[in-house]
PDB file of N, CA and C in Angstrom:
ATOM      1  N   MET A   1      12.398  24.579 -11.752  1.00  0.00           N
ATOM      2  CA  MET A   1      11.495  23.927 -12.663  1.00  0.00           C
ATOM      3  C   MET A   1      11.760  24.445 -14.066  1.00  0.00           C
ATOM      4  N   ASN A   2      11.968  23.535 -14.992  1.00  0.00           N
ATOM      5  CA  ASN A   2      12.111  23.880 -16.395  1.00  0.00           C
ATOM      6  C   ASN A   2      10.750  23.757 -17.057  1.00  0.00           C
ATOM      7  N   LEU A   3      10.294  24.824 -17.709  1.00  0.00           N
ATOM      8  CA  LEU A   3       8.998  24.830 -18.361  1.00  0.00           C
ATOM      9  C   LEU A   3       9.188  25.035 -19.849  1.00  0.00           C
ATOM     10  N   THR A   4       8.596  24.147 -20.654  1.00  0.00           N
ATOM     11  CA  THR A   4       8.642  24.255 -22.099  1.00  0.00           C
ATOM     12  C   THR A   4       7.217  24.283 -22.617  1.00  0.00           C
ATOM     13  N   ILE A   5       6.875  25.338 -23.370  1.00  0.00           N
ATOM     14  CA  ILE A   5       5.545  25.457 -23.957  1.00  0.00           C
ATOM     15  C   ILE A   5       5.727  25.450 -25.472  1.00  0.00           C
ATOM     16  N   THR A   6       5.059  24.497 -26.131  1.00  0.00           N
ATOM     17  CA  THR A   6       5.185  24.320 -27.568  1.00  0.00           C
ATOM     18  C   THR A   6       3.809  24.387 -28.202  1.00  0.00           C
ATOM     19  N   GLY A   7       3.731  24.926 -29.406  1.00  0.00           N
ATOM     20  CA  GLY A   7       2.474  24.993 -30.135  1.00  0.00           C
ATOM     21  C   GLY A   7       2.548  24.205 -31.423  1.00  0.00           C
ATOM     22  N   ARG A   8       1.560  23.351 -31.634  1.00  0.00           N
ATOM     23  CA  ARG A   8       1.431  22.615 -32.891  1.00  0.00           C
ATOM     24  C   ARG A   8       0.285  23.237 -33.679  1.00  0.00           C
ATOM     25  N   HIS A   9       0.587  23.746 -34.856  1.00  0.00           N
ATOM     26  CA  HIS A   9      -0.398  24.417 -35.701  1.00  0.00           C
ATOM     27  C   HIS A   9      -1.012  25.610 -34.967  1.00  0.00           C
ATOM     28  N   LEU A  10      -0.211  26.224 -34.113  1.00  0.00           N
ATOM     29  CA  LEU A  10      -0.701  27.320 -33.278  1.00  0.00           C
ATOM     30  C   LEU A  10       0.481  28.168 -32.844  1.00  0.00           C
ATOM     31  N   GLU A  11       0.320  29.470 -32.895  1.00  0.00           N
ATOM     32  CA  GLU A  11       1.355  30.369 -32.402  1.00  0.00           C
ATOM     33  C   GLU A  11       1.062  30.689 -30.938  1.00  0.00           C
ATOM     34  N   ILE A  12       2.065  30.551 -30.107  1.00  0.00           N
ATOM     35  CA  ILE A  12       1.902  30.817 -28.675  1.00  0.00           C
ATOM     36  C   ILE A  12       1.980  32.324 -28.456  1.00  0.00           C
ATOM     37  N   THR A  13       0.856  32.913 -28.121  1.00  0.00           N
ATOM     38  CA  THR A  13       0.810  34.344 -27.856  1.00  0.00           C
ATOM     39  C   THR A  13       1.245  34.602 -26.416  1.00  0.00           C
ATOM     40  N   PRO A  14       1.660  35.817 -26.106  1.00  0.00           N
ATOM     41  CA  PRO A  14       2.013  36.124 -24.704  1.00  0.00           C
ATOM     42  C   PRO A  14       0.849  35.904 -23.731  1.00  0.00           C
ATOM     43  N   ALA A  15      -0.374  36.126 -24.195  1.00  0.00           N
ATOM     44  CA  ALA A  15      -1.537  35.916 -23.319  1.00  0.00           C
ATOM     45  C   ALA A  15      -1.700  34.435 -22.962  1.00  0.00           C
ATOM     46  N   ILE A  16      -1.565  33.565 -23.946  1.00  0.00           N
ATOM     47  CA  ILE A  16      -1.685  32.131 -23.688  1.00  0.00           C
ATOM     48  C   ILE A  16      -0.522  31.662 -22.823  1.00  0.00           C
ATOM     49  N   HIS A  17       0.676  32.162 -23.082  1.00  0.00           N
ATOM     50  CA  HIS A  17       1.858  31.797 -22.292  1.00  0.00           C
ATOM     51  C   HIS A  17       1.671  32.194 -20.828  1.00  0.00           C
ATOM     52  N   ASP A  18       1.203  33.404 -20.597  1.00  0.00           N
ATOM     53  CA  ASP A  18       0.979  33.869 -19.223  1.00  0.00           C
ATOM     54  C   ASP A  18      -0.135  33.085 -18.537  1.00  0.00           C
ATOM     55  N   TYR A  19      -1.172  32.705 -19.296  1.00  0.00           N
ATOM     56  CA  TYR A  19      -2.271  31.944 -18.717  1.00  0.00           C
ATOM     57  C   TYR A  19      -1.813  30.546 -18.297  1.00  0.00           C
ATOM     58  N   VAL A  20      -1.003  29.917 -19.123  1.00  0.00           N
ATOM     59  CA  VAL A  20      -0.468  28.597 -18.770  1.00  0.00           C
ATOM     60  C   VAL A  20       0.400  28.708 -17.520  1.00  0.00           C
ATOM     61  N   LEU A  21       1.233  29.745 -17.458  1.00  0.00           N
ATOM     62  CA  LEU A  21       2.080  29.943 -16.270  1.00  0.00           C
ATOM     63  C   LEU A  21       1.247  30.152 -15.016  1.00  0.00           C
ATOM     64  N   SER A  22       0.178  30.937 -15.122  1.00  0.00           N
ATOM     65  CA  SER A  22      -0.651  31.202 -13.938  1.00  0.00           C
ATOM     66  C   SER A  22      -1.371  29.938 -13.472  1.00  0.00           C
ATOM     67  N   ARG A  23      -1.803  29.078 -14.398  1.00  0.00           N
ATOM     68  CA  ARG A  23      -2.489  27.849 -14.021  1.00  0.00           C
ATOM     69  C   ARG A  23      -1.528  26.810 -13.445  1.00  0.00           C
ATOM     70  N   LEU A  24      -0.263  26.860 -13.852  1.00  0.00           N
ATOM     71  CA  LEU A  24       0.712  25.897 -13.342  1.00  0.00           C
ATOM     72  C   LEU A  24       1.308  26.332 -11.997  1.00  0.00           C
ATOM     73  N   GLU A  25       1.007  27.524 -11.537  1.00  0.00           N
ATOM     74  CA  GLU A  25       1.478  27.967 -10.222  1.00  0.00           C
ATOM     75  C   GLU A  25       0.933  27.075  -9.114  1.00  0.00           C
ATOM     76  N   ARG A  26      -0.310  26.611  -9.274  1.00  0.00           N
ATOM     77  CA  ARG A  26      -0.929  25.755  -8.265  1.00  0.00           C
ATOM     78  C   ARG A  26      -0.194  24.422  -8.163  1.00  0.00           C
ATOM     79  N   ILE A  27       0.317  23.946  -9.299  1.00  0.00           N
ATOM     80  CA  ILE A  27       1.038  22.677  -9.317  1.00  0.00           C
ATOM     81  C   ILE A  27       2.370  22.814  -8.587  1.00  0.00           C
ATOM     82  N   LYS A  28       3.001  23.961  -8.705  1.00  0.00           N
ATOM     83  CA  LYS A  28       4.279  24.189  -8.012  1.00  0.00           C
ATOM     84  C   LYS A  28       4.108  24.098  -6.496  1.00  0.00           C
ATOM     85  N   ARG A  29       2.952  24.518  -6.000  1.00  0.00           N
ATOM     86  CA  ARG A  29       2.717  24.469  -4.556  1.00  0.00           C
ATOM     87  C   ARG A  29       2.647  23.043  -4.045  1.00  0.00           C
ATOM     88  N   HIS A  30       2.059  22.142  -4.840  1.00  0.00           N
ATOM     89  CA  HIS A  30       1.871  20.762  -4.398  1.00  0.00           C
ATOM     90  C   HIS A  30       3.100  19.893  -4.611  1.00  0.00           C
ATOM     91  N   ALA A  31       3.862  20.172  -5.642  1.00  0.00           N
ATOM     92  CA  ALA A  31       4.991  19.309  -5.985  1.00  0.00           C
ATOM     93  C   ALA A  31       6.298  19.971  -5.556  1.00  0.00           C
ATOM     94  N   ASP A  32       6.932  19.394  -4.545  1.00  0.00           N
ATOM     95  CA  ASP A  32       8.203  19.932  -4.071  1.00  0.00           C
ATOM     96  C   ASP A  32       9.353  19.486  -4.969  1.00  0.00           C
ATOM     97  N   ASN A  33       9.232  18.317  -5.549  1.00  0.00           N
ATOM     98  CA  ASN A  33      10.313  17.721  -6.315  1.00  0.00           C
ATOM     99  C   ASN A  33      10.059  17.809  -7.816  1.00  0.00           C
ATOM    100  N   LEU A  34       9.533  18.932  -8.282  1.00  0.00           N
ATOM    101  CA  LEU A  34       9.216  19.149  -9.682  1.00  0.00           C
ATOM    102  C   LEU A  34      10.494  19.437 -10.455  1.00  0.00           C
ATOM    103  N   ILE A  35      10.776  18.643 -11.490  1.00  0.00           N
ATOM    104  CA  ILE A  35      12.007  18.802 -12.257  1.00  0.00           C
ATOM    105  C   ILE A  35      11.743  19.498 -13.581  1.00  0.00           C
ATOM    106  N   ASP A  36      10.802  18.964 -14.369  1.00  0.00           N
ATOM    107  CA  ASP A  36      10.604  19.450 -15.721  1.00  0.00           C
ATOM    108  C   ASP A  36       9.126  19.361 -16.091  1.00  0.00           C
ATOM    109  N   VAL A  37       8.618  20.385 -16.784  1.00  0.00           N
ATOM    110  CA  VAL A  37       7.247  20.387 -17.273  1.00  0.00           C
ATOM    111  C   VAL A  37       7.274  20.753 -18.752  1.00  0.00           C
ATOM    112  N   SER A  38       6.622  19.936 -19.559  1.00  0.00           N
ATOM    113  CA  SER A  38       6.524  20.183 -20.987  1.00  0.00           C
ATOM    114  C   SER A  38       5.052  20.259 -21.363  1.00  0.00           C
ATOM    115  N   VAL A  39       4.633  21.384 -21.957  1.00  0.00           N
ATOM    116  CA  VAL A  39       3.238  21.593 -22.331  1.00  0.00           C
ATOM    117  C   VAL A  39       3.172  21.761 -23.849  1.00  0.00           C
ATOM    118  N   VAL A  40       2.269  21.013 -24.481  1.00  0.00           N
ATOM    119  CA  VAL A  40       2.081  21.098 -25.924  1.00  0.00           C
ATOM    120  C   VAL A  40       0.638  21.505 -26.189  1.00  0.00           C
ATOM    121  N   LEU A  41       0.463  22.629 -26.878  1.00  0.00           N
ATOM    122  CA  LEU A  41      -0.853  23.120 -27.247  1.00  0.00           C
ATOM    123  C   LEU A  41      -1.041  22.846 -28.733  1.00  0.00           C
ATOM    124  N   SER A  42      -2.188  22.302 -29.125  1.00  0.00           N
ATOM    125  CA  SER A  42      -2.417  22.020 -30.533  1.00  0.00           C
ATOM    126  C   SER A  42      -3.867  22.278 -30.908  1.00  0.00           C
ATOM    127  N   VAL A  43      -4.062  22.518 -32.208  1.00  0.00           N
ATOM    128  CA  VAL A  43      -5.393  22.761 -32.743  1.00  0.00           C
ATOM    129  C   VAL A  43      -5.592  21.829 -33.931  1.00  0.00           C
ATOM    130  N   ALA A  44      -6.687  21.086 -33.919  1.00  0.00           N
ATOM    131  CA  ALA A  44      -7.066  20.241 -35.042  1.00  0.00           C
ATOM    132  C   ALA A  44      -8.538  20.505 -35.329  1.00  0.00           C
ATOM    133  N   LYS A  45      -8.793  21.163 -36.443  1.00  0.00           N
ATOM    134  CA  LYS A  45     -10.133  21.616 -36.824  1.00  0.00           C
ATOM    135  C   LYS A  45     -10.710  22.494 -35.726  1.00  0.00           C
ATOM    136  N   LEU A  46     -11.736  22.064 -35.033  1.00  0.00           N
ATOM    137  CA  LEU A  46     -12.350  22.896 -33.986  1.00  0.00           C
ATOM    138  C   LEU A  46     -12.023  22.418 -32.583  1.00  0.00           C
ATOM    139  N   ILE A  47     -11.129  21.439 -32.475  1.00  0.00           N
ATOM    140  CA  ILE A  47     -10.794  20.884 -31.163  1.00  0.00           C
ATOM    141  C   ILE A  47      -9.422  21.401 -30.728  1.00  0.00           C
ATOM    142  N   HIS A  48      -9.392  22.030 -29.575  1.00  0.00           N
ATOM    143  CA  HIS A  48      -8.153  22.517 -28.981  1.00  0.00           C
ATOM    144  C   HIS A  48      -7.715  21.491 -27.949  1.00  0.00           C
ATOM    145  N   SER A  49      -6.499  21.004 -28.085  1.00  0.00           N
ATOM    146  CA  SER A  49      -6.023  20.016 -27.111  1.00  0.00           C
ATOM    147  C   SER A  49      -4.732  20.497 -26.470  1.00  0.00           C
ATOM    148  N   VAL A  50      -4.576  20.118 -25.212  1.00  0.00           N
ATOM    149  CA  VAL A  50      -3.404  20.492 -24.426  1.00  0.00           C
ATOM    150  C   VAL A  50      -2.868  19.221 -23.787  1.00  0.00           C
ATOM    151  N   GLU A  51      -1.564  19.019 -23.884  1.00  0.00           N
ATOM    152  CA  GLU A  51      -0.899  17.875 -23.274  1.00  0.00           C
ATOM    153  C   GLU A  51       0.189  18.394 -22.352  1.00  0.00           C
ATOM    154  N   ALA A  52       0.360  17.735 -21.235  1.00  0.00           N
ATOM    155  CA  ALA A  52       1.432  18.092 -20.310  1.00  0.00           C
ATOM    156  C   ALA A  52       2.158  16.840 -19.883  1.00  0.00           C
ATOM    157  N   ASN A  53       3.469  16.917 -19.879  1.00  0.00           N
ATOM    158  CA  ASN A  53       4.315  15.839 -19.420  1.00  0.00           C
ATOM    159  C   ASN A  53       5.141  16.389 -18.264  1.00  0.00           C
ATOM    160  N   VAL A  54       4.899  15.887 -17.072  1.00  0.00           N
ATOM    161  CA  VAL A  54       5.555  16.399 -15.868  1.00  0.00           C
ATOM    162  C   VAL A  54       6.526  15.342 -15.360  1.00  0.00           C
ATOM    163  N   HIS A  55       7.750  15.755 -15.145  1.00  0.00           N
ATOM    164  CA  HIS A  55       8.780  14.848 -14.638  1.00  0.00           C
ATOM    165  C   HIS A  55       9.049  15.188 -13.180  1.00  0.00           C
ATOM    166  N   LEU A  56       8.614  14.310 -12.281  1.00  0.00           N
ATOM    167  CA  LEU A  56       8.894  14.421 -10.853  1.00  0.00           C
ATOM    168  C   LEU A  56      10.022  13.458 -10.527  1.00  0.00           C
ATOM    169  N   SER A  57      10.643  13.621  -9.393  1.00  0.00           N
ATOM    170  CA  SER A  57      11.663  12.646  -9.028  1.00  0.00           C
ATOM    171  C   SER A  57      10.969  11.333  -8.683  1.00  0.00           C
ATOM    172  N   GLY A  58      11.211  10.315  -9.500  1.00  0.00           N
ATOM    173  CA  GLY A  58      10.621   9.014  -9.269  1.00  0.00           C
ATOM    174  C   GLY A  58       9.372   8.723 -10.080  1.00  0.00           C
ATOM    175  N   LYS A  59       8.848   9.692 -10.822  1.00  0.00           N
ATOM    176  CA  LYS A  59       7.603   9.455 -11.558  1.00  0.00           C
ATOM    177  C   LYS A  59       7.461  10.460 -12.688  1.00  0.00           C
ATOM    178  N   ASP A  60       6.924   9.997 -13.806  1.00  0.00           N
ATOM    179  CA  ASP A  60       6.533  10.868 -14.912  1.00  0.00           C
ATOM    180  C   ASP A  60       5.022  10.833 -15.014  1.00  0.00           C
ATOM    181  N   ILE A  61       4.403  11.998 -15.153  1.00  0.00           N
ATOM    182  CA  ILE A  61       2.952  12.092 -15.236  1.00  0.00           C
ATOM    183  C   ILE A  61       2.592  12.728 -16.571  1.00  0.00           C
ATOM    184  N   PHE A  62       1.690  12.082 -17.315  1.00  0.00           N
ATOM    185  CA  PHE A  62       1.206  12.597 -18.582  1.00  0.00           C
ATOM    186  C   PHE A  62      -0.281  12.862 -18.465  1.00  0.00           C
ATOM    187  N   VAL A  63      -0.709  14.066 -18.895  1.00  0.00           N
ATOM    188  CA  VAL A  63      -2.108  14.457 -18.819  1.00  0.00           C
ATOM    189  C   VAL A  63      -2.493  15.101 -20.151  1.00  0.00           C
ATOM    190  N   GLN A  64      -3.714  14.838 -20.595  1.00  0.00           N
ATOM    191  CA  GLN A  64      -4.207  15.416 -21.841  1.00  0.00           C
ATOM    192  C   GLN A  64      -5.626  15.907 -21.630  1.00  0.00           C
ATOM    193  N   ALA A  65      -5.952  17.077 -22.218  1.00  0.00           N
ATOM    194  CA  ALA A  65      -7.303  17.624 -22.122  1.00  0.00           C
ATOM    195  C   ALA A  65      -7.685  18.242 -23.459  1.00  0.00           C
ATOM    196  N   GLU A  66      -8.961  18.121 -23.819  1.00  0.00           N
ATOM    197  CA  GLU A  66      -9.474  18.678 -25.066  1.00  0.00           C
ATOM    198  C   GLU A  66     -10.743  19.460 -24.773  1.00  0.00           C
ATOM    199  N   ASP A  67     -10.949  20.535 -25.567  1.00  0.00           N
ATOM    200  CA  ASP A  67     -12.153  21.343 -25.428  1.00  0.00           C
ATOM    201  C   ASP A  67     -12.298  22.185 -26.687  1.00  0.00           C
ATOM    202  N   ALA A  68     -13.439  22.843 -26.828  1.00  0.00           N
ATOM    203  CA  ALA A  68     -13.666  23.724 -27.968  1.00  0.00           C
ATOM    204  C   ALA A  68     -12.946  25.065 -27.772  1.00  0.00           C
ATOM    205  N   ASP A  69     -12.616  25.405 -26.542  1.00  0.00           N
ATOM    206  CA  ASP A  69     -11.928  26.653 -26.215  1.00  0.00           C
ATOM    207  C   ASP A  69     -10.560  26.327 -25.623  1.00  0.00           C
ATOM    208  N   MET A  70      -9.528  27.029 -26.055  1.00  0.00           N
ATOM    209  CA  MET A  70      -8.168  26.741 -25.588  1.00  0.00           C
ATOM    210  C   MET A  70      -8.022  27.012 -24.095  1.00  0.00           C
ATOM    211  N   TYR A  71      -8.621  28.104 -23.608  1.00  0.00           N
ATOM    212  CA  TYR A  71      -8.500  28.433 -22.193  1.00  0.00           C
ATOM    213  C   TYR A  71      -9.219  27.405 -21.311  1.00  0.00           C
ATOM    214  N   ALA A  72     -10.353  26.883 -21.781  1.00  0.00           N
ATOM    215  CA  ALA A  72     -11.059  25.846 -21.033  1.00  0.00           C
ATOM    216  C   ALA A  72     -10.253  24.552 -21.022  1.00  0.00           C
ATOM    217  N   ALA A  73      -9.579  24.248 -22.126  1.00  0.00           N
ATOM    218  CA  ALA A  73      -8.734  23.060 -22.177  1.00  0.00           C
ATOM    219  C   ALA A  73      -7.565  23.183 -21.214  1.00  0.00           C
ATOM    220  N   ILE A  74      -6.991  24.383 -21.100  1.00  0.00           N
ATOM    221  CA  ILE A  74      -5.890  24.608 -20.159  1.00  0.00           C
ATOM    222  C   ILE A  74      -6.378  24.460 -18.729  1.00  0.00           C
ATOM    223  N   ASP A  75      -7.581  24.965 -18.445  1.00  0.00           N
ATOM    224  CA  ASP A  75      -8.162  24.811 -17.106  1.00  0.00           C
ATOM    225  C   ASP A  75      -8.371  23.339 -16.754  1.00  0.00           C
ATOM    226  N   ASN A  76      -8.932  22.575 -17.693  1.00  0.00           N
ATOM    227  CA  ASN A  76      -9.152  21.145 -17.461  1.00  0.00           C
ATOM    228  C   ASN A  76      -7.829  20.421 -17.233  1.00  0.00           C
ATOM    229  N   LEU A  77      -6.826  20.763 -18.010  1.00  0.00           N
ATOM    230  CA  LEU A  77      -5.512  20.152 -17.861  1.00  0.00           C
ATOM    231  C   LEU A  77      -4.925  20.444 -16.482  1.00  0.00           C
ATOM    232  N   ALA A  78      -5.028  21.687 -16.038  1.00  0.00           N
ATOM    233  CA  ALA A  78      -4.479  22.053 -14.737  1.00  0.00           C
ATOM    234  C   ALA A  78      -5.187  21.310 -13.609  1.00  0.00           C
ATOM    235  N   ASP A  79      -6.499  21.141 -13.723  1.00  0.00           N
ATOM    236  CA  ASP A  79      -7.250  20.404 -12.700  1.00  0.00           C
ATOM    237  C   ASP A  79      -6.839  18.934 -12.661  1.00  0.00           C
ATOM    238  N   LYS A  80      -6.741  18.311 -13.838  1.00  0.00           N
ATOM    239  CA  LYS A  80      -6.333  16.901 -13.894  1.00  0.00           C
ATOM    240  C   LYS A  80      -4.921  16.713 -13.352  1.00  0.00           C
ATOM    241  N   LEU A  81      -4.033  17.605 -13.735  1.00  0.00           N
ATOM    242  CA  LEU A  81      -2.646  17.501 -13.304  1.00  0.00           C
ATOM    243  C   LEU A  81      -2.522  17.695 -11.799  1.00  0.00           C
ATOM    244  N   ASP A  82      -3.283  18.623 -11.263  1.00  0.00           N
ATOM    245  CA  ASP A  82      -3.262  18.868  -9.821  1.00  0.00           C
ATOM    246  C   ASP A  82      -3.738  17.641  -9.053  1.00  0.00           C
ATOM    247  N   ARG A  83      -4.817  17.014  -9.525  1.00  0.00           N
ATOM    248  CA  ARG A  83      -5.329  15.808  -8.861  1.00  0.00           C
ATOM    249  C   ARG A  83      -4.307  14.681  -8.894  1.00  0.00           C
ATOM    250  N   GLN A  84      -3.646  14.491 -10.035  1.00  0.00           N
ATOM    251  CA  GLN A  84      -2.688  13.394 -10.143  1.00  0.00           C
ATOM    252  C   GLN A  84      -1.460  13.634  -9.274  1.00  0.00           C
ATOM    253  N   ILE A  85      -1.006  14.880  -9.186  1.00  0.00           N
ATOM    254  CA  ILE A  85       0.165  15.171  -8.359  1.00  0.00           C
ATOM    255  C   ILE A  85      -0.162  14.997  -6.884  1.00  0.00           C
ATOM    256  N   VAL A  86      -1.341  15.443  -6.459  1.00  0.00           N
ATOM    257  CA  VAL A  86      -1.743  15.259  -5.061  1.00  0.00           C
ATOM    258  C   VAL A  86      -1.877  13.771  -4.748  1.00  0.00           C
ATOM    259  N   LYS A  87      -2.439  12.992  -5.691  1.00  0.00           N
ATOM    260  CA  LYS A  87      -2.581  11.555  -5.506  1.00  0.00           C
ATOM    261  C   LYS A  87      -1.210  10.883  -5.394  1.00  0.00           C
ATOM    262  N   HIS A  88      -0.275  11.286  -6.232  1.00  0.00           N
ATOM    263  CA  HIS A  88       1.087  10.737  -6.175  1.00  0.00           C
ATOM    264  C   HIS A  88       1.766  11.106  -4.862  1.00  0.00           C
ATOM    265  N   LYS A  89       1.560  12.324  -4.417  1.00  0.00           N
ATOM    266  CA  LYS A  89       2.180  12.780  -3.172  1.00  0.00           C
ATOM    267  C   LYS A  89       1.602  12.031  -1.968  1.00  0.00           C
ATOM    268  N   GLU A  90       0.296  11.770  -1.981  1.00  0.00           N
ATOM    269  CA  GLU A  90      -0.323  11.027  -0.883  1.00  0.00           C
ATOM    270  C   GLU A  90       0.185   9.589  -0.837  1.00  0.00           C
ATOM    271  N   ARG A  91       0.347   8.981  -2.001  1.00  0.00           N
ATOM    272  CA  ARG A  91       0.843   7.602  -2.038  1.00  0.00           C
ATOM    273  C   ARG A  91       2.261   7.505  -1.500  1.00  0.00           C
ATOM    274  N   ASN A  92       3.109   8.424  -1.874  1.00  0.00           N
ATOM    275  CA  ASN A  92       4.496   8.384  -1.421  1.00  0.00           C
ATOM    276  C   ASN A  92       4.648   8.826   0.021  1.00  0.00           C
ATOM    277  N   GLY A  93       3.744   9.629   0.526  1.00  0.00           N
ATOM    278  CA  GLY A  93       3.840  10.108   1.886  1.00  0.00           C
ATOM    279  C   GLY A  93       3.391   9.112   2.924  1.00  0.00           C
ATOM    280  N   ASP A  94       2.617   8.104   2.518  1.00  0.00           N
ATOM    281  CA  ASP A  94       2.061   7.133   3.456  1.00  0.00           C
ATOM    282  C   ASP A  94       3.020   6.002   3.799  1.00  0.00           C
ATOM    283  N   VAL A  95       4.213   5.988   3.258  1.00  0.00           N
ATOM    284  CA  VAL A  95       5.142   4.875   3.471  1.00  0.00           C
ATOM    285  C   VAL A  95       5.515   4.767   4.943  1.00  0.00           C
ATOM    286  N   ASN A  96       5.901   5.850   5.558  1.00  0.00           N
ATOM    287  CA  ASN A  96       6.310   5.809   6.954  1.00  0.00           C
ATOM    288  C   ASN A  96       5.110   5.754   7.900  1.00  0.00           C
ATOM    289  N   GLN A  97       3.994   6.320   7.502  1.00  0.00           N
ATOM    290  CA  GLN A  97       2.828   6.332   8.367  1.00  0.00           C
ATOM    291  C   GLN A  97       2.144   4.968   8.417  1.00  0.00           C
ATOM    292  N   ALA A  98       2.255   4.188   7.360  1.00  0.00           N
ATOM    293  CA  ALA A  98       1.577   2.898   7.318  1.00  0.00           C
ATOM    294  C   ALA A  98       2.182   1.912   8.317  1.00  0.00           C
ATOM    295  N   SER A  99       3.502   1.921   8.436  1.00  0.00           N
ATOM    296  CA  SER A  99       4.135   0.986   9.361  1.00  0.00           C
ATOM    297  C   SER A  99       4.068   1.491  10.799  1.00  0.00           C
ATOM    298  N   GLY A 100       3.875   2.777  10.963  1.00  0.00           N
ATOM    299  CA  GLY A 100       3.781   3.340  12.303  1.00  0.00           C
ATOM    300  C   GLY A 100       5.152   3.518  12.931  1.00  0.00           C
ATOM    301  N   GLY A 101       5.235   4.381  13.881  1.00  0.00           N
ATOM    302  CA  GLY A 101       6.502   4.610  14.559  1.00  0.00           C
ATOM    303  C   GLY A 101       6.599   3.776  15.817  1.00  0.00           C
ATOM    304  N   ILE A 102       7.585   4.045  16.619  1.00  0.00           N
ATOM    305  CA  ILE A 102       7.797   3.317  17.871  1.00  0.00           C
ATOM    306  C   ILE A 102       6.647   3.585  18.837  1.00  0.00           C
ATOM    307  N   LYS A 103       6.108   4.783  18.789  1.00  0.00           N
ATOM    308  CA  LYS A 103       5.011   5.127  19.692  1.00  0.00           C
ATOM    309  C   LYS A 103       3.777   4.262  19.445  1.00  0.00           C
ATOM    310  N   HIS A 104       3.543   3.898  18.173  1.00  0.00           N
ATOM    311  CA  HIS A 104       2.316   3.199  17.808  1.00  0.00           C
ATOM    312  C   HIS A 104       2.447   1.668  17.907  1.00  0.00           C
ATOM    313  N   GLN A 105       3.608   1.159  18.167  1.00  0.00           N
ATOM    314  CA  GLN A 105       3.768  -0.287  18.287  1.00  0.00           C
ATOM    315  C   GLN A 105       3.418  -0.694  19.716  1.00  0.00           C
ATOM    316  N   SER A 106       2.802  -1.842  19.828  1.00  0.00           N
ATOM    317  CA  SER A 106       2.426  -2.292  21.171  1.00  0.00           C
ATOM    318  C   SER A 106       3.646  -2.920  21.870  1.00  0.00           C
ATOM    319  N   ALA A 107       3.568  -3.037  23.176  1.00  0.00           N
ATOM    320  CA  ALA A 107       4.682  -3.567  23.954  1.00  0.00           C
ATOM    321  C   ALA A 107       4.875  -5.064  23.717  1.00  0.00           C
ATOM    322  N   GLY A 108       3.854  -5.781  23.275  1.00  0.00           N
ATOM    323  CA  GLY A 108       3.927  -7.218  23.054  1.00  0.00           C
ATOM    324  C   GLY A 108       4.738  -7.581  21.816  1.00  0.00           C
ATOM    325  N   GLU A 109       4.957  -6.646  20.912  1.00  0.00           N
ATOM    326  CA  GLU A 109       5.680  -6.919  19.692  1.00  0.00           C
ATOM    327  C   GLU A 109       7.182  -6.971  19.908  1.00  0.00           C
ATOM    328  N   GLU A 110       7.663  -6.387  20.984  1.00  0.00           N
ATOM    329  CA  GLU A 110       9.099  -6.356  21.225  1.00  0.00           C
ATOM    330  C   GLU A 110       9.580  -7.752  21.627  1.00  0.00           C
ATOM    331  N   ALA A 111      10.745  -8.147  21.146  1.00  0.00           N
ATOM    332  CA  ALA A 111      11.249  -9.486  21.472  1.00  0.00           C
ATOM    333  C   ALA A 111      12.416  -9.429  22.414  1.00  0.00           C
TER     334      ALA A 111
END
């Protein structure tokens, strides 16, 4: 996994960098085919916003979160990203289960 953390109008401190890494560990567990993650942290007046662009094989996921506190915004982003990755994984995993295997087909369907 390639991880890029960028700051707009903000210097990325080691504490913020480590916190982002710790929150993205949960995403690594759910996504087996994770290729690239790009995180952009920005500050505009009193609003801290975090954006993440995740490149999976077959899908790109973009998530954005805003809060008055940077750490709370990172937490919200990680939760949203986790939900979207699990949702994507469930959709792609149901392809073979929806049609059923040979065991689940009735004997009348055979020609």
